[in-house]
Protein backbone atom coordinates (compact mmCIF):
# COMPACT_ATOMS: atom_id res chain seq x y z
CA MET A 1 25.27 -131.08 35.54
CA THR A 2 24.73 -134.42 33.96
CA GLY A 3 21.94 -136.86 34.64
CA PRO A 4 18.22 -136.84 33.79
CA ARG A 5 16.13 -133.63 34.00
CA VAL A 6 14.01 -133.46 37.09
CA ALA A 7 10.52 -131.95 37.22
CA VAL A 8 8.29 -131.08 40.28
CA VAL A 9 4.68 -131.19 39.35
CA THR A 10 2.04 -130.21 41.86
CA GLY A 11 -1.37 -131.71 41.88
CA ALA A 12 -0.20 -134.66 39.84
CA SER A 13 -2.50 -137.35 41.22
CA ARG A 14 -5.35 -136.75 38.72
CA GLY A 15 -6.57 -134.61 35.90
CA ILE A 16 -4.24 -132.37 33.84
CA GLY A 17 -1.44 -132.54 36.41
CA ARG A 18 -1.51 -136.36 36.09
CA PHE A 19 -1.25 -136.45 32.18
CA LEU A 20 1.33 -133.82 32.04
CA ALA A 21 3.44 -135.71 34.61
CA ASP A 22 2.88 -138.87 32.49
CA ALA A 23 4.05 -137.02 29.39
CA LEU A 24 7.21 -135.79 31.12
CA ASP A 25 7.87 -139.50 32.32
CA GLU A 26 7.42 -140.59 28.65
CA HIS A 27 10.11 -138.07 27.40
CA GLY A 28 12.73 -139.14 29.90
CA TRP A 29 12.10 -136.67 32.82
CA VAL A 30 12.44 -137.79 36.33
CA VAL A 31 9.00 -136.58 37.74
CA GLU A 32 8.36 -135.67 41.53
CA ARG A 33 4.65 -135.76 41.77
CA GLY A 34 2.93 -133.73 44.34
CA SER A 35 -0.50 -134.50 45.84
CA SER A 36 -2.29 -133.66 49.11
CA ALA A 37 -0.69 -136.74 50.55
CA VAL A 38 2.75 -135.56 49.71
CA ALA A 39 2.38 -131.92 50.78
CA ASP A 40 -0.31 -129.25 51.39
CA VAL A 41 0.85 -126.53 49.00
CA THR A 42 -0.75 -124.09 51.25
CA ARG A 43 1.45 -124.88 54.16
CA ALA A 44 4.94 -123.39 53.95
CA SER A 45 6.48 -125.97 56.15
CA ASP A 46 5.15 -128.79 54.03
CA VAL A 47 6.32 -127.19 50.71
CA ARG A 48 9.87 -126.49 52.18
CA ALA A 49 10.16 -130.08 53.45
CA TRP A 50 9.12 -131.46 50.10
CA ILE A 51 11.37 -129.44 47.98
CA ASP A 52 14.26 -129.98 50.42
CA ASP A 53 13.69 -133.81 50.20
CA VAL A 54 13.56 -133.66 46.33
CA LEU A 55 16.88 -131.67 46.18
CA ALA A 56 18.32 -134.08 48.79
CA ARG A 57 17.51 -136.95 46.52
CA ARG A 58 17.87 -135.64 43.08
CA GLU A 59 20.47 -132.81 43.60
CA HIS A 60 18.81 -130.48 41.15
CA ILE A 61 15.46 -129.39 39.84
CA ASP A 62 15.01 -128.20 36.14
CA LEU A 63 11.28 -127.62 35.93
CA LEU A 64 8.41 -126.56 38.20
CA VAL A 65 4.98 -127.17 37.22
CA ASN A 66 2.37 -125.42 39.37
CA ASN A 67 -0.64 -127.18 38.51
CA ALA A 68 -2.58 -127.85 41.93
CA GLY A 69 -5.91 -125.80 41.86
CA VAL A 70 -9.33 -125.69 42.64
CA ILE A 71 -12.57 -123.74 41.65
CA ASP A 72 -15.20 -122.17 43.95
CA ALA A 73 -18.98 -122.52 43.72
CA GLU A 74 -20.67 -121.12 40.62
CA VAL A 75 -22.43 -118.49 42.26
CA ARG A 76 -22.40 -114.76 42.30
CA LEU A 77 -19.99 -112.68 44.50
CA GLU A 78 -22.72 -111.77 46.64
CA GLU A 79 -23.96 -115.33 47.10
CA SER A 80 -20.49 -116.70 47.70
CA ASP A 81 -19.28 -118.43 51.07
CA PRO A 82 -16.42 -116.44 52.47
CA ASP A 83 -14.59 -119.60 53.53
CA ASP A 84 -15.01 -121.24 50.22
CA TRP A 85 -14.03 -118.25 48.31
CA TRP A 86 -10.88 -117.57 50.24
CA SER A 87 -9.82 -121.34 50.21
CA THR A 88 -9.81 -121.27 46.42
CA VAL A 89 -7.40 -118.18 46.60
CA GLU A 90 -5.32 -119.89 48.95
CA VAL A 91 -4.82 -122.98 46.98
CA ASN A 92 -4.49 -121.27 43.58
CA VAL A 93 -2.47 -118.32 44.57
CA ARG A 94 -0.54 -119.07 48.03
CA GLY A 95 0.12 -122.63 46.73
CA PRO A 96 2.09 -121.49 43.60
CA TYR A 97 3.77 -118.76 45.54
CA LEU A 98 5.10 -121.03 48.23
CA VAL A 99 6.33 -123.71 45.88
CA THR A 100 7.84 -121.07 43.45
CA ARG A 101 9.53 -119.30 46.36
CA ALA A 102 10.99 -122.62 47.42
CA VAL A 103 12.20 -123.60 44.05
CA LEU A 104 13.25 -120.35 42.23
CA PRO A 105 16.31 -119.61 44.43
CA HIS A 106 17.60 -123.02 43.34
CA LEU A 107 16.95 -122.34 39.68
CA LEU A 108 18.72 -118.97 39.74
CA ASP A 109 21.75 -120.35 41.61
CA ARG A 110 21.84 -122.99 38.66
CA GLY A 111 21.30 -120.30 36.02
CA ALA A 112 18.93 -122.60 34.34
CA GLY A 113 15.40 -123.70 34.76
CA ARG A 114 11.63 -123.06 33.82
CA ILE A 115 8.45 -122.73 35.75
CA ILE A 116 5.08 -123.47 34.03
CA ASN A 117 2.02 -122.30 35.96
CA LEU A 118 -1.24 -123.77 34.80
CA ASN A 119 -3.39 -120.75 34.35
CA SER A 120 -6.73 -120.03 32.57
CA GLY A 121 -8.42 -117.58 30.11
CA SER A 122 -10.52 -116.78 33.36
CA GLY A 123 -7.38 -115.00 34.59
CA THR A 124 -7.93 -112.36 31.76
CA LYS A 125 -11.52 -111.11 32.70
CA PRO A 126 -14.14 -110.99 35.50
CA SER A 127 -16.94 -113.45 35.78
CA GLU A 128 -20.41 -113.37 37.15
CA VAL A 129 -19.84 -116.61 38.97
CA ALA A 130 -16.96 -118.39 40.52
CA SER A 131 -15.24 -115.00 41.14
CA ALA A 132 -12.57 -116.41 43.38
CA TYR A 133 -11.22 -118.74 40.48
CA ASN A 134 -10.79 -115.70 38.23
CA VAL A 135 -9.37 -113.52 41.02
CA SER A 136 -6.93 -116.33 41.67
CA LYS A 137 -5.93 -116.98 37.99
CA THR A 138 -5.34 -113.25 37.63
CA ALA A 139 -3.05 -113.30 40.76
CA LEU A 140 -1.22 -116.31 39.28
CA GLY A 141 -0.37 -114.44 36.22
CA ARG A 142 1.37 -111.75 38.35
CA ILE A 143 3.40 -114.51 40.06
CA THR A 144 4.36 -115.79 36.63
CA GLY A 145 5.43 -112.30 35.65
CA SER A 146 7.58 -111.72 38.86
CA ALA A 147 9.23 -114.95 38.37
CA HIS A 148 9.93 -114.03 34.78
CA LEU A 149 11.59 -110.75 35.87
CA SER A 150 13.64 -112.36 38.62
CA GLY A 151 14.99 -114.77 35.88
CA ARG A 152 15.41 -112.36 33.12
CA GLY A 153 18.92 -112.55 31.87
CA ARG A 154 19.61 -115.38 34.37
CA GLY A 155 18.61 -118.47 32.59
CA VAL A 156 15.34 -118.99 34.12
CA PHE A 157 12.09 -118.59 32.45
CA ALA A 158 8.26 -118.61 33.48
CA PHE A 159 5.13 -119.19 31.53
CA ASP A 160 1.23 -119.20 31.92
CA LEU A 161 -0.12 -122.32 30.12
CA ALA A 162 -3.92 -122.03 29.72
CA PRO A 163 -4.98 -125.68 28.96
CA GLY A 164 -8.41 -124.69 27.32
CA ILE A 165 -11.36 -126.82 28.57
CA VAL A 166 -10.08 -130.49 29.15
CA ARG A 167 -12.67 -132.95 30.18
CA THR A 168 -11.41 -133.62 33.72
CA ASP A 169 -13.34 -134.40 37.05
CA MET A 170 -13.21 -130.61 37.97
CA THR A 171 -14.61 -129.41 34.63
CA LYS A 172 -17.31 -132.14 34.41
CA SER A 173 -18.43 -131.04 38.00
CA MET A 174 -19.03 -127.53 36.69
CA PRO A 175 -22.60 -126.50 35.63
CA ARG A 176 -21.34 -124.18 33.18
CA HIS A 177 -19.98 -127.21 31.11
CA ASP A 178 -23.15 -129.44 31.21
CA ASP A 179 -24.05 -128.94 27.71
CA ARG A 180 -20.47 -128.83 26.25
CA THR A 181 -19.89 -131.21 23.32
CA GLU A 182 -16.20 -129.82 22.37
CA TRP A 183 -13.37 -130.25 24.69
CA THR A 184 -9.64 -129.39 24.34
CA ASP A 185 -7.60 -132.52 23.26
CA PRO A 186 -5.00 -133.31 25.94
CA ALA A 187 -2.70 -133.87 23.11
CA GLU A 188 -2.95 -130.33 22.22
CA VAL A 189 -1.87 -129.44 25.87
CA THR A 190 0.81 -131.70 25.91
CA GLU A 191 2.39 -130.46 22.67
CA LEU A 192 2.56 -126.81 24.06
CA PHE A 193 3.57 -128.08 27.59
CA LEU A 194 6.63 -130.09 26.36
CA ALA A 195 7.74 -127.16 24.03
CA LEU A 196 7.85 -124.89 27.03
CA ALA A 197 9.53 -127.51 29.22
CA ASP A 198 12.19 -128.14 26.48
CA GLY A 199 12.97 -124.51 25.92
CA ARG A 200 11.70 -124.20 22.68
CA LEU A 201 9.50 -121.14 23.41
CA ASP A 202 11.55 -119.28 25.78
CA ALA A 203 10.87 -116.09 23.86
CA TRP A 204 7.34 -116.36 25.38
CA SER A 205 8.44 -116.21 29.00
CA GLY A 206 6.34 -113.97 31.08
CA ARG A 207 3.27 -114.48 28.72
CA MET A 208 0.25 -116.93 28.36
CA VAL A 209 -0.09 -119.51 25.66
CA ARG A 210 -3.39 -121.35 25.09
CA ALA A 211 -3.83 -124.89 24.27
CA GLY A 212 -6.29 -125.61 21.53
CA GLU A 213 -5.85 -122.10 19.95
CA ASP A 214 -1.94 -121.88 19.94
CA THR A 215 0.32 -124.22 18.33
CA VAL A 216 4.10 -124.59 18.53
CA ALA A 217 4.65 -123.74 15.07
CA ALA A 218 2.20 -120.56 15.28
CA LEU A 219 4.02 -119.31 18.38
CA ASP A 220 7.36 -119.72 16.73
CA ALA A 221 6.13 -117.63 13.66
CA ALA A 222 4.59 -114.87 15.90
CA THR A 223 7.82 -114.50 18.07
CA ALA A 224 9.26 -111.83 15.81
CA THR A 225 6.19 -109.71 16.30
CA LEU A 226 6.00 -109.79 20.17
CA ARG A 227 5.69 -106.43 22.05
CA PRO A 228 6.48 -106.01 25.75
CA THR A 229 2.81 -106.26 26.75
CA SER A 230 1.94 -109.03 24.21
CA ARG A 231 -0.17 -111.85 26.02
CA THR A 232 0.09 -110.20 29.35
CA VAL A 233 -2.69 -108.61 31.55
CA GLY A 234 -2.46 -104.92 32.09
CA LEU A 235 -4.50 -101.55 31.94
CA LEU A 236 -5.73 -100.73 28.40
CA PRO A 237 -5.51 -96.88 27.85
CA TYR A 238 -8.64 -95.14 26.55
CA GLY A 239 -6.47 -93.33 23.84
CA ASP A 240 -2.99 -91.94 23.11
CA ASP A 241 -3.57 -89.03 25.61
CA ASP A 242 -4.53 -91.44 28.47
CA PRO A 243 -2.02 -90.36 31.44
CA LEU A 244 -2.27 -94.20 32.62
CA GLY A 245 -1.49 -95.52 29.21
């Protein structure tokens, strides 16, 4: 199929989503920008209508970027508000699930496409505060893994991109960053993001890459050393004789 490449980016009205969508624009992509005004990603009917509209106008989608996300209050689990906690999970998990579910069949039918989920190192460990955020990012990694397995051998790839700590409205509002003086450069995020979008890092499908720590060159060099569990979240055995290892 000829014509410009088409990307769907959720949460593209501000923050990381906005500058990633801008980067795609600058590199010749047609970008369909999602926001709360376009579609509520937690509502299946909104998501379906949005994706159907994109396909009707553009005829194809090449890239899905699940960026829309929120964080819960920075309090301990026992102090958290149940509605706030669950709302965070809905936006960060149900949202990417619904959008992926709407787009993935199209990518599989075409035999080509990529999904980039904006994840976080928080998804690899528990936290004393804002536990819903960590829970949601761990779950998002499982969505990435499932999309990777669905697309394996069928030309569709899925990635977790951890952007580091970029200075945005969300991170500036978080008490944990009140004294932070070093932030991840958005250019470092864009470099990795565009490499994933362009297919230069397809060997990393189903895995997490982290802006500010990883570079495209370093990931290229490490590709030959990847093991099945490299850069994935799983159960660590206590030893060689662990029955769950």
